[in-house]
Amino acid sequence: MKRILFYLVIAIMLFGFVFPIAWVYVTSFKAPGDIFKPDKILFEPTLYNYDYITNVRPSFKELWNSLIISVISTAIVIFVALPAAYSFARFKTGAGHLLFVTISTRMFPGVVAALPFFFAYRALGLLDTHLGLILLYVYFNMSFATFLLYGFFKEIPAELEYAARVDGYGQLDVLRKIVFPLIKPGVAITTAFCLIWSWNEFFFAFLFTRKVARTVSVGLSTFWGSVEIQWGPMAALMGIAILPTLLAAWFMQRYIIRGLTFGAVKG
């Protein structure tokens, strides 16, 4: 009975996760007249919606913008957060106060920072630019990545580094041969979280972009008009937009699972 209940719960959870995604892809291949007929299981597939977002209302520039902004901002965040987190974990830089200041940037709602950032960006000419959005995402992801990596570095016994130094390793060799190979799961899961957040972020992309640097999350909202909602093209663009995050999670799933269980078993 317990096993049946367990599989029933798993089936319900899988249905809750898979059904919305499947519905998006099915809708993207429906003609406008078939979208509002959910009882019509069999229908003639069409590429009308994909042709619409390719030729009628081109949307691939928004996908490219999202790719550039999310990848570059995540790369900068990981490049800076790795040594920062290591410094906090091993050398207690700032006696804990600097780490608290770093984390505090994520303790207030993003909307609080929207107005001062908007005025600053307008004065600096960073509105509707890739650089402006990259800097925003670096700012908001940096504290999260540093705090997350700090926890992973704390899980690595310092005795391993001491033993490596006794064997004649320098600090750079310790980092390259001992620490970084052990921290790979943590880096993978931090990268995945930052990348997915940057790709899906809507609020700041909506406020700080217009046409030049508009991301796909904002582009999806443009199909929602005052007169009608273009469900077909929206579903087609949504189906393409979720593929990068699904592929990233798929390729990094081994490290993500290890990262989520990092330090769970001692001894």
Protein backbone atom coordinates (compact mmCIF):
# COMPACT_ATOMS: atom_id res chain seq x y z
CA MET A 1 0.00 0.00 0.00
CA LYS A 2 2.83 2.40 0.85
CA ARG A 3 4.54 1.65 -2.46
CA ILE A 4 1.32 2.31 -4.39
CA LEU A 5 0.86 5.60 -2.53
CA PHE A 6 4.48 6.53 -3.24
CA TYR A 7 4.15 5.91 -6.99
CA LEU A 8 0.83 7.75 -7.02
CA VAL A 9 2.43 10.83 -5.49
CA ILE A 10 5.34 10.62 -7.96
CA ALA A 11 2.89 10.33 -10.87
CA ILE A 12 0.94 13.38 -9.69
CA MET A 13 4.16 15.40 -9.33
CA LEU A 14 5.37 14.36 -12.79
CA PHE A 15 2.02 15.27 -14.28
CA GLY A 16 2.16 18.69 -12.62
CA PHE A 17 5.64 19.34 -14.05
CA VAL A 18 5.26 17.81 -17.50
CA PHE A 19 1.69 18.75 -18.42
CA PRO A 20 2.21 22.56 -18.69
CA ILE A 21 5.29 22.09 -20.88
CA ALA A 22 3.52 19.54 -23.08
CA TRP A 23 0.52 21.86 -23.37
CA VAL A 24 2.77 24.71 -24.56
CA TYR A 25 4.31 22.61 -27.32
CA VAL A 26 0.97 21.16 -28.41
CA THR A 27 -0.54 24.66 -28.57
CA SER A 28 2.40 25.94 -30.62
CA PHE A 29 1.49 23.51 -33.42
CA LYS A 30 -2.23 24.34 -33.43
CA ALA A 31 -3.96 26.64 -35.88
CA PRO A 32 -5.70 29.68 -34.31
CA GLY A 33 -9.09 28.00 -34.70
CA ASP A 34 -8.00 24.85 -32.86
CA ILE A 35 -6.42 26.52 -29.82
CA PHE A 36 -9.78 27.24 -28.18
CA LYS A 37 -10.99 23.67 -28.69
CA PRO A 38 -9.34 21.72 -25.85
CA ASP A 39 -11.71 18.83 -26.43
CA LYS A 40 -10.31 18.40 -29.93
CA ILE A 41 -7.53 15.91 -29.27
CA LEU A 42 -6.78 15.19 -32.93
CA PHE A 43 -5.85 18.20 -35.03
CA GLU A 44 -3.79 18.98 -38.11
CA PRO A 45 -0.37 20.30 -37.01
CA THR A 46 0.76 23.57 -38.54
CA LEU A 47 3.91 25.69 -38.50
CA TYR A 48 1.90 28.91 -38.73
CA ASN A 49 2.90 30.07 -35.23
CA TYR A 50 6.61 29.47 -35.84
CA ASP A 51 6.38 31.22 -39.19
CA TYR A 52 4.72 34.15 -37.39
CA ILE A 53 7.56 34.63 -34.89
CA THR A 54 10.10 34.21 -37.71
CA ASN A 55 8.70 36.47 -40.44
CA VAL A 56 5.64 38.43 -39.29
CA ARG A 57 6.87 39.41 -35.84
CA PRO A 58 10.57 38.40 -35.68
CA SER A 59 11.52 37.27 -32.17
CA PHE A 60 14.91 35.62 -32.55
CA LYS A 61 16.74 38.86 -31.75
CA GLU A 62 15.15 38.72 -28.30
CA LEU A 63 16.39 35.16 -27.86
CA TRP A 64 19.87 36.28 -28.88
CA ASN A 65 19.72 39.18 -26.42
CA SER A 66 18.74 36.83 -23.60
CA LEU A 67 21.57 34.47 -24.51
CA ILE A 68 24.21 37.21 -24.57
CA ILE A 69 23.04 38.90 -21.38
CA SER A 70 22.53 35.75 -19.32
CA VAL A 71 25.76 34.00 -20.37
CA ILE A 72 28.03 37.04 -19.99
CA SER A 73 26.51 38.12 -16.66
CA THR A 74 26.73 34.58 -15.26
CA ALA A 75 30.35 34.20 -16.40
CA ILE A 76 31.31 37.47 -14.68
CA VAL A 77 29.46 36.47 -11.51
CA ILE A 78 31.18 33.07 -11.25
CA PHE A 79 34.60 34.57 -12.09
CA VAL A 80 34.30 37.10 -9.24
CA ALA A 81 32.26 35.05 -6.74
CA LEU A 82 34.66 32.08 -6.70
CA PRO A 83 37.68 33.89 -5.20
CA ALA A 84 35.41 36.06 -3.05
CA ALA A 85 33.65 33.05 -1.52
CA TYR A 86 36.98 31.27 -1.00
CA SER A 87 38.35 34.34 0.74
CA PHE A 88 35.33 34.53 3.05
CA ALA A 89 35.44 30.80 3.81
CA ARG A 90 39.17 30.36 4.40
CA PHE A 91 40.50 33.74 5.54
CA LYS A 92 37.33 35.22 7.09
CA THR A 93 37.85 38.40 5.10
CA GLY A 94 36.14 41.33 6.79
CA ALA A 95 35.49 39.27 9.95
CA GLY A 96 32.06 38.33 8.61
CA HIS A 97 30.91 41.93 8.24
CA LEU A 98 31.82 42.17 4.56
CA LEU A 99 30.01 38.90 3.85
CA PHE A 100 26.90 40.26 5.55
CA VAL A 101 27.08 43.44 3.47
CA THR A 102 27.39 41.31 0.33
CA ILE A 103 24.38 39.18 1.24
CA SER A 104 22.31 42.21 2.26
CA THR A 105 21.91 43.25 -1.38
CA ARG A 106 19.46 40.34 -1.74
CA MET A 107 17.55 41.09 1.47
CA PHE A 108 15.38 43.83 -0.03
CA PRO A 109 12.89 43.53 -2.91
CA GLY A 110 14.27 44.30 -6.32
CA VAL A 111 11.61 46.95 -6.86
CA VAL A 112 13.27 49.05 -4.13
CA ALA A 113 16.39 49.41 -6.28
CA ALA A 114 14.49 50.02 -9.52
CA LEU A 115 14.03 53.79 -9.15
CA PRO A 116 17.62 54.78 -8.21
CA PHE A 117 18.99 52.41 -10.85
CA PHE A 118 16.65 53.92 -13.45
CA PHE A 119 17.79 57.49 -12.75
CA ALA A 120 21.45 56.42 -12.74
CA TYR A 121 21.06 54.49 -16.00
CA ARG A 122 19.29 57.38 -17.67
CA ALA A 123 22.10 59.75 -16.70
CA LEU A 124 24.77 57.28 -17.87
CA GLY A 125 22.99 56.33 -21.10
CA LEU A 126 22.67 52.66 -20.14
CA LEU A 127 18.93 52.32 -20.72
CA ASP A 128 18.03 49.75 -23.38
CA THR A 129 21.62 48.47 -23.63
CA HIS A 130 23.08 45.02 -23.19
CA LEU A 131 25.74 46.38 -20.84
CA GLY A 132 23.15 47.96 -18.57
CA LEU A 133 21.20 44.75 -18.11
CA ILE A 134 24.39 42.71 -17.68
CA LEU A 135 25.54 45.00 -14.87
CA LEU A 136 22.15 44.71 -13.17
CA TYR A 137 22.17 40.93 -13.30
CA VAL A 138 25.76 40.82 -12.06
CA TYR A 139 24.77 43.04 -9.13
CA PHE A 140 21.82 40.89 -8.07
CA ASN A 141 23.41 37.50 -8.73
CA MET A 142 26.79 38.27 -7.17
CA SER A 143 25.62 38.13 -3.56
CA PHE A 144 23.61 34.96 -4.16
CA ALA A 145 26.49 33.20 -5.91
CA THR A 146 29.03 34.29 -3.30
CA PHE A 147 26.87 33.10 -0.41
CA LEU A 148 26.10 29.77 -2.12
CA LEU A 149 29.75 29.09 -3.02
CA TYR A 150 30.78 30.15 0.48
CA GLY A 151 28.73 27.25 1.86
CA PHE A 152 30.36 24.80 -0.56
CA PHE A 153 33.87 25.99 0.30
CA LYS A 154 33.09 25.57 4.01
CA GLU A 155 32.24 21.93 3.35
CA ILE A 156 35.76 21.23 2.02
CA PRO A 157 38.05 20.32 4.95
CA ALA A 158 40.85 22.83 5.36
CA GLU A 159 43.12 19.93 6.36
CA LEU A 160 43.28 18.87 2.71
CA GLU A 161 44.87 22.18 1.81
CA TYR A 162 47.26 22.05 4.75
CA ALA A 163 48.37 18.55 3.70
CA ALA A 164 48.91 19.73 0.13
CA ARG A 165 51.10 22.61 1.32
CA VAL A 166 53.14 20.18 3.42
CA ASP A 167 53.73 18.21 0.22
CA GLY A 168 55.16 21.34 -1.38
CA TYR A 169 52.15 22.73 -3.24
CA GLY A 170 51.87 26.50 -3.58
CA GLN A 171 48.60 28.37 -3.09
CA LEU A 172 47.76 28.37 -6.81
CA ASP A 173 48.51 24.63 -7.07
CA VAL A 174 46.28 23.96 -4.06
CA LEU A 175 43.44 25.85 -5.69
CA ARG A 176 43.94 24.30 -9.11
CA LYS A 177 44.56 20.67 -8.09
CA ILE A 178 42.71 20.31 -4.78
CA VAL A 179 40.01 22.91 -4.23
CA PHE A 180 38.54 23.57 -7.67
CA PRO A 181 38.05 19.87 -8.61
CA LEU A 182 36.16 19.36 -5.33
CA ILE A 183 34.06 22.50 -5.79
CA LYS A 184 32.86 21.60 -9.32
CA PRO A 185 29.38 20.48 -8.17
CA GLY A 186 28.95 23.73 -6.29
CA VAL A 187 30.08 25.79 -9.27
CA ALA A 188 27.71 23.86 -11.54
CA ILE A 189 24.63 24.37 -9.41
CA THR A 190 25.49 28.05 -8.79
CA THR A 191 26.00 28.58 -12.51
CA ALA A 192 22.70 26.87 -13.30
CA PHE A 193 20.76 28.99 -10.80
CA CYS A 194 22.32 32.27 -11.97
CA LEU A 195 21.87 31.38 -15.63
CA ILE A 196 18.22 30.40 -15.22
CA TRP A 197 17.45 33.50 -13.14
CA SER A 198 19.08 35.79 -15.71
CA TRP A 199 17.30 34.06 -18.59
CA ASN A 200 13.86 34.20 -16.97
CA GLU A 201 14.11 37.63 -15.28
CA PHE A 202 11.30 39.95 -16.35
CA PHE A 203 10.94 42.94 -14.04
CA PHE A 204 14.23 44.75 -14.71
CA ALA A 205 14.28 43.70 -18.36
CA PHE A 206 10.83 45.24 -18.75
CA LEU A 207 11.80 48.51 -17.03
CA PHE A 208 15.26 49.02 -18.50
CA THR A 209 14.85 47.87 -22.12
CA ARG A 210 12.70 48.92 -25.05
CA LYS A 211 13.69 47.36 -28.38
CA VAL A 212 17.49 47.15 -28.72
CA ALA A 213 18.22 44.93 -25.68
CA ARG A 214 14.74 43.51 -25.07
CA THR A 215 14.92 39.94 -23.78
CA VAL A 216 12.69 37.01 -24.61
CA SER A 217 10.79 37.21 -21.31
CA VAL A 218 9.70 40.75 -22.20
CA GLY A 219 9.08 39.74 -25.80
CA LEU A 220 6.59 37.12 -24.65
CA SER A 221 4.54 39.80 -22.93
CA THR A 222 4.11 41.71 -26.21
CA PHE A 223 1.76 39.02 -27.51
CA TRP A 224 -0.67 40.04 -24.77
CA GLY A 225 -2.59 42.96 -26.31
CA SER A 226 -5.56 45.03 -25.23
CA VAL A 227 -7.76 43.49 -27.91
CA GLU A 228 -6.55 39.90 -28.19
CA ILE A 229 -3.95 37.47 -26.88
CA GLN A 230 -1.93 35.68 -29.55
CA TRP A 231 -1.74 32.34 -27.81
CA GLY A 232 -0.25 30.44 -30.75
CA PRO A 233 2.80 32.66 -31.42
CA MET A 234 3.27 33.09 -27.66
CA ALA A 235 3.35 29.32 -27.19
CA ALA A 236 5.78 28.92 -30.10
CA LEU A 237 8.22 31.49 -28.68
CA MET A 238 7.77 30.07 -25.19
CA GLY A 239 8.56 26.58 -26.47
CA ILE A 240 11.83 27.84 -27.94
CA ALA A 241 12.63 30.01 -24.91
CA ILE A 242 12.49 27.15 -22.40
CA LEU A 243 14.80 24.89 -24.41
CA PRO A 244 18.13 26.51 -23.33
CA THR A 245 17.36 26.18 -19.63
CA LEU A 246 16.15 22.60 -20.09
CA LEU A 247 19.31 21.71 -22.02
CA ALA A 248 21.55 23.43 -19.47
CA ALA A 249 19.88 21.54 -16.63
CA TRP A 250 20.14 18.28 -18.61
CA PHE A 251 23.87 18.60 -19.34
CA MET A 252 24.73 19.68 -15.79
CA GLN A 253 22.32 17.34 -13.95
CA ARG A 254 25.14 15.11 -12.69
CA TYR A 255 26.91 18.03 -11.04
CA ILE A 256 23.64 19.60 -9.90
CA ILE A 257 22.59 16.44 -8.05
CA ARG A 258 26.04 16.19 -6.46
CA GLY A 259 25.89 19.85 -5.56
CA LEU A 260 22.49 19.55 -3.89
CA THR A 261 23.78 16.66 -1.76
CA PHE A 262 27.24 18.15 -1.17
CA GLY A 263 28.27 17.64 2.43
CA ALA A 264 25.16 15.62 3.23
CA VAL A 265 27.20 12.55 4.24
CA LYS A 266 30.04 12.85 6.71
CA GLY A 267 32.59 10.33 7.84
